[in-house]
């Protein structure tokens, strides 16, 4: 990533995402914050600090949801004993 003349929170993303998946192997291509996954390195948009923070917040939310689901499953198992 290279900082642009747009200020300290705007960068050019030099990497090319061709696709992505979650831990279960399910496609997560729509989660790329700055482009559509493909093999064209010339069609990517700048990454802003807002995008980076939103992505981090989404990850935190997913972790919290997974923790709550795990707890709910454990409680249900105890109830079923």
N, C-alpha and C. Protein backbone atom coordinates (compact mmCIF):
# COMPACT_ATOMS: atom_id res chain seq x y z
N UNK A 1 0.84 -1.17 0.00
CA UNK A 1 0.00 0.00 0.00
C UNK A 1 0.89 1.24 0.00
N UNK A 2 0.45 2.23 -0.74
CA UNK A 2 1.21 3.47 -0.86
C UNK A 2 0.29 4.63 -0.52
N UNK A 3 0.77 5.53 0.36
CA UNK A 3 -0.03 6.70 0.72
C UNK A 3 -0.17 7.62 -0.48
N UNK A 4 -1.36 8.20 -0.65
CA UNK A 4 -1.62 9.09 -1.78
C UNK A 4 -1.50 10.54 -1.32
N UNK A 5 -1.73 11.45 -2.24
CA UNK A 5 -1.75 12.88 -1.89
C UNK A 5 -3.07 13.27 -1.23
N UNK A 6 -3.97 12.29 -1.04
CA UNK A 6 -5.27 12.56 -0.43
C UNK A 6 -5.25 12.65 1.08
N UNK A 7 -4.09 12.55 1.68
CA UNK A 7 -4.00 12.66 3.13
C UNK A 7 -3.51 11.38 3.77
N UNK A 8 -3.34 11.44 5.08
CA UNK A 8 -2.74 10.31 5.79
C UNK A 8 -3.65 9.10 5.90
N UNK A 9 -4.92 9.22 5.53
CA UNK A 9 -5.81 8.07 5.66
C UNK A 9 -6.24 7.49 4.31
N UNK A 10 -5.57 7.88 3.23
CA UNK A 10 -5.92 7.35 1.91
C UNK A 10 -4.68 6.71 1.29
N UNK A 11 -4.83 5.46 0.88
CA UNK A 11 -3.71 4.69 0.33
C UNK A 11 -4.13 4.03 -0.97
N UNK A 12 -3.17 3.76 -1.83
CA UNK A 12 -3.41 2.92 -2.99
C UNK A 12 -3.07 1.49 -2.61
N UNK A 13 -3.96 0.60 -2.94
CA UNK A 13 -3.75 -0.82 -2.66
C UNK A 13 -3.09 -1.44 -3.88
N UNK A 14 -1.85 -1.87 -3.74
CA UNK A 14 -1.13 -2.45 -4.87
C UNK A 14 -1.33 -3.94 -5.01
N UNK A 15 -2.04 -4.56 -4.09
CA UNK A 15 -2.24 -6.00 -4.18
C UNK A 15 -3.47 -6.33 -5.03
N UNK A 16 -3.50 -7.50 -5.55
CA UNK A 16 -4.63 -7.95 -6.36
C UNK A 16 -5.27 -9.16 -5.70
N UNK A 17 -6.51 -9.02 -5.30
CA UNK A 17 -7.26 -10.12 -4.69
C UNK A 17 -7.98 -10.86 -5.81
N UNK A 18 -7.66 -12.13 -5.97
CA UNK A 18 -8.32 -12.91 -7.03
C UNK A 18 -9.51 -13.69 -6.49
N UNK A 19 -9.62 -13.79 -5.17
CA UNK A 19 -10.73 -14.49 -4.56
C UNK A 19 -10.41 -14.72 -3.09
N UNK A 20 -11.42 -15.01 -2.31
CA UNK A 20 -11.19 -15.32 -0.90
C UNK A 20 -12.30 -16.21 -0.38
N UNK A 21 -11.99 -16.87 0.74
CA UNK A 21 -12.97 -17.75 1.36
C UNK A 21 -12.78 -17.72 2.87
N UNK A 22 -13.84 -18.13 3.59
CA UNK A 22 -13.75 -18.16 5.04
C UNK A 22 -13.17 -19.49 5.49
N UNK A 23 -13.13 -19.69 6.82
CA UNK A 23 -12.53 -20.90 7.38
C UNK A 23 -13.27 -22.18 6.97
N UNK A 24 -14.52 -22.04 6.55
CA UNK A 24 -15.30 -23.20 6.11
C UNK A 24 -15.16 -23.47 4.62
N UNK A 25 -14.38 -22.63 3.93
CA UNK A 25 -14.21 -22.80 2.49
C UNK A 25 -15.28 -22.12 1.66
N UNK A 26 -16.18 -21.38 2.31
CA UNK A 26 -17.24 -20.67 1.59
C UNK A 26 -16.68 -19.40 0.96
N UNK A 27 -17.10 -19.07 -0.27
CA UNK A 27 -16.57 -17.87 -0.93
C UNK A 27 -16.95 -16.59 -0.18
N UNK A 28 -16.01 -15.66 -0.07
CA UNK A 28 -16.23 -14.37 0.58
C UNK A 28 -15.79 -13.24 -0.35
N UNK A 29 -15.91 -13.47 -1.66
CA UNK A 29 -15.44 -12.49 -2.65
C UNK A 29 -16.11 -11.13 -2.50
N UNK A 30 -17.35 -11.09 -2.05
CA UNK A 30 -18.07 -9.82 -1.92
C UNK A 30 -17.59 -8.98 -0.74
N UNK A 31 -16.69 -9.52 0.10
CA UNK A 31 -16.21 -8.81 1.28
C UNK A 31 -14.97 -7.96 1.02
N UNK A 32 -14.44 -7.97 -0.20
CA UNK A 32 -13.27 -7.14 -0.52
C UNK A 32 -13.70 -5.68 -0.47
N UNK A 33 -13.06 -4.89 0.40
CA UNK A 33 -13.50 -3.52 0.68
C UNK A 33 -13.22 -2.54 -0.45
N UNK A 34 -12.25 -2.83 -1.30
CA UNK A 34 -11.86 -1.80 -2.27
C UNK A 34 -11.95 -2.23 -3.73
N UNK A 35 -12.38 -3.45 -4.01
CA UNK A 35 -12.47 -3.87 -5.41
C UNK A 35 -13.28 -5.15 -5.52
N UNK A 36 -13.54 -5.53 -6.76
CA UNK A 36 -14.15 -6.82 -7.04
C UNK A 36 -13.02 -7.80 -7.33
N UNK A 37 -12.95 -8.92 -6.60
CA UNK A 37 -11.86 -9.87 -6.85
C UNK A 37 -11.82 -10.29 -8.31
N UNK A 38 -10.66 -10.17 -8.91
CA UNK A 38 -10.44 -10.56 -10.29
C UNK A 38 -8.93 -10.63 -10.53
N UNK A 39 -8.52 -10.71 -11.75
CA UNK A 39 -7.09 -10.77 -12.06
C UNK A 39 -6.60 -9.51 -12.78
N UNK A 40 -7.38 -8.42 -12.74
CA UNK A 40 -7.01 -7.16 -13.38
C UNK A 40 -6.42 -6.20 -12.33
N UNK A 41 -5.10 -5.97 -12.32
CA UNK A 41 -4.50 -5.12 -11.30
C UNK A 41 -4.76 -3.63 -11.49
N UNK A 42 -5.39 -3.24 -12.59
CA UNK A 42 -5.58 -1.82 -12.89
C UNK A 42 -6.98 -1.30 -12.56
N UNK A 43 -7.82 -2.10 -11.92
CA UNK A 43 -9.19 -1.64 -11.66
C UNK A 43 -9.51 -1.53 -10.17
N UNK A 44 -8.50 -1.40 -9.33
CA UNK A 44 -8.73 -1.32 -7.88
C UNK A 44 -8.80 0.13 -7.42
N UNK A 45 -9.60 0.36 -6.40
CA UNK A 45 -9.81 1.70 -5.85
C UNK A 45 -8.88 1.95 -4.67
N UNK A 46 -8.69 3.23 -4.29
CA UNK A 46 -7.88 3.51 -3.11
C UNK A 46 -8.54 2.97 -1.84
N UNK A 47 -7.73 2.60 -0.88
CA UNK A 47 -8.22 2.13 0.41
C UNK A 47 -8.19 3.30 1.38
N UNK A 48 -9.31 3.57 2.04
CA UNK A 48 -9.35 4.66 3.03
C UNK A 48 -9.28 4.07 4.44
N UNK A 49 -8.88 4.89 5.38
CA UNK A 49 -8.82 4.45 6.78
C UNK A 49 -10.21 4.01 7.24
N UNK A 50 -11.25 4.66 6.74
CA UNK A 50 -12.62 4.27 7.10
C UNK A 50 -12.90 2.83 6.67
N UNK A 51 -12.45 2.45 5.47
CA UNK A 51 -12.65 1.08 5.00
C UNK A 51 -11.90 0.09 5.89
N UNK A 52 -10.67 0.45 6.27
CA UNK A 52 -9.87 -0.44 7.11
C UNK A 52 -10.56 -0.63 8.45
N UNK A 53 -11.03 0.46 9.06
CA UNK A 53 -11.68 0.38 10.36
C UNK A 53 -12.99 -0.40 10.27
N UNK A 54 -13.75 -0.21 9.18
CA UNK A 54 -15.00 -0.94 9.00
C UNK A 54 -14.73 -2.44 8.90
N UNK A 55 -13.69 -2.81 8.17
CA UNK A 55 -13.34 -4.22 8.02
C UNK A 55 -12.95 -4.80 9.38
N UNK A 56 -12.17 -4.06 10.16
CA UNK A 56 -11.79 -4.55 11.49
C UNK A 56 -13.01 -4.69 12.37
N UNK A 57 -13.93 -3.73 12.33
CA UNK A 57 -15.14 -3.79 13.15
C UNK A 57 -16.00 -4.99 12.75
N UNK A 58 -16.08 -5.27 11.44
CA UNK A 58 -16.85 -6.43 10.99
C UNK A 58 -16.24 -7.72 11.54
N UNK A 59 -14.91 -7.80 11.58
CA UNK A 59 -14.25 -8.99 12.12
C UNK A 59 -14.56 -9.14 13.61
N UNK A 60 -14.53 -8.02 14.34
CA UNK A 60 -14.85 -8.06 15.77
C UNK A 60 -16.29 -8.53 15.96
N UNK A 61 -17.21 -8.01 15.16
CA UNK A 61 -18.60 -8.42 15.27
C UNK A 61 -18.75 -9.91 15.01
N UNK A 62 -18.06 -10.43 14.01
CA UNK A 62 -18.14 -11.86 13.69
C UNK A 62 -17.62 -12.70 14.85
N UNK A 63 -16.53 -12.27 15.46
CA UNK A 63 -15.98 -13.01 16.60
C UNK A 63 -16.98 -13.00 17.75
N UNK A 64 -17.59 -11.85 18.03
CA UNK A 64 -18.58 -11.76 19.10
C UNK A 64 -19.79 -12.65 18.82
N UNK A 65 -20.25 -12.66 17.60
CA UNK A 65 -21.38 -13.51 17.22
C UNK A 65 -21.02 -14.98 17.41
N UNK A 66 -19.82 -15.37 16.99
CA UNK A 66 -19.39 -16.76 17.15
C UNK A 66 -19.32 -17.14 18.63
N UNK A 67 -18.82 -16.21 19.47
CA UNK A 67 -18.74 -16.49 20.91
C UNK A 67 -20.13 -16.65 21.51
N UNK A 68 -21.07 -15.79 21.11
CA UNK A 68 -22.44 -15.88 21.62
C UNK A 68 -23.10 -17.18 21.18
N UNK A 69 -22.89 -17.57 19.93
CA UNK A 69 -23.48 -18.80 19.42
C UNK A 69 -22.92 -20.01 20.17
N UNK A 70 -21.62 -20.00 20.42
CA UNK A 70 -21.00 -21.11 21.16
C UNK A 70 -21.59 -21.21 22.56
N UNK A 71 -21.77 -20.06 23.21
CA UNK A 71 -22.35 -20.04 24.55
C UNK A 71 -23.79 -20.54 24.52
N UNK A 72 -24.56 -20.11 23.52
CA UNK A 72 -25.96 -20.53 23.42
C UNK A 72 -26.06 -22.04 23.20
N UNK A 73 -25.18 -22.58 22.39
CA UNK A 73 -25.17 -24.03 22.13
C UNK A 73 -24.83 -24.78 23.42
N UNK A 74 -23.85 -24.27 24.17
CA UNK A 74 -23.46 -24.92 25.43
C UNK A 74 -24.60 -24.89 26.43
N UNK A 75 -25.30 -23.77 26.52
CA UNK A 75 -26.44 -23.66 27.43
C UNK A 75 -27.54 -24.64 27.03
N UNK A 76 -27.81 -24.73 25.74
CA UNK A 76 -28.84 -25.66 25.27
C UNK A 76 -28.47 -27.10 25.57
N UNK A 77 -27.21 -27.45 25.44
CA UNK A 77 -26.77 -28.82 25.73
C UNK A 77 -26.97 -29.13 27.21
N UNK A 78 -26.65 -28.16 28.08
CA UNK A 78 -26.85 -28.37 29.51
C UNK A 78 -28.33 -28.55 29.81
N UNK A 79 -29.18 -27.78 29.19
CA UNK A 79 -30.63 -27.89 29.40
C UNK A 79 -31.15 -29.27 28.96
N UNK A 80 -30.53 -29.81 27.93
CA UNK A 80 -30.99 -31.10 27.39
C UNK A 80 -30.49 -32.30 28.20
N UNK A 81 -29.63 -32.07 29.19
CA UNK A 81 -29.10 -33.20 30.00
C UNK A 81 -30.13 -33.76 30.92
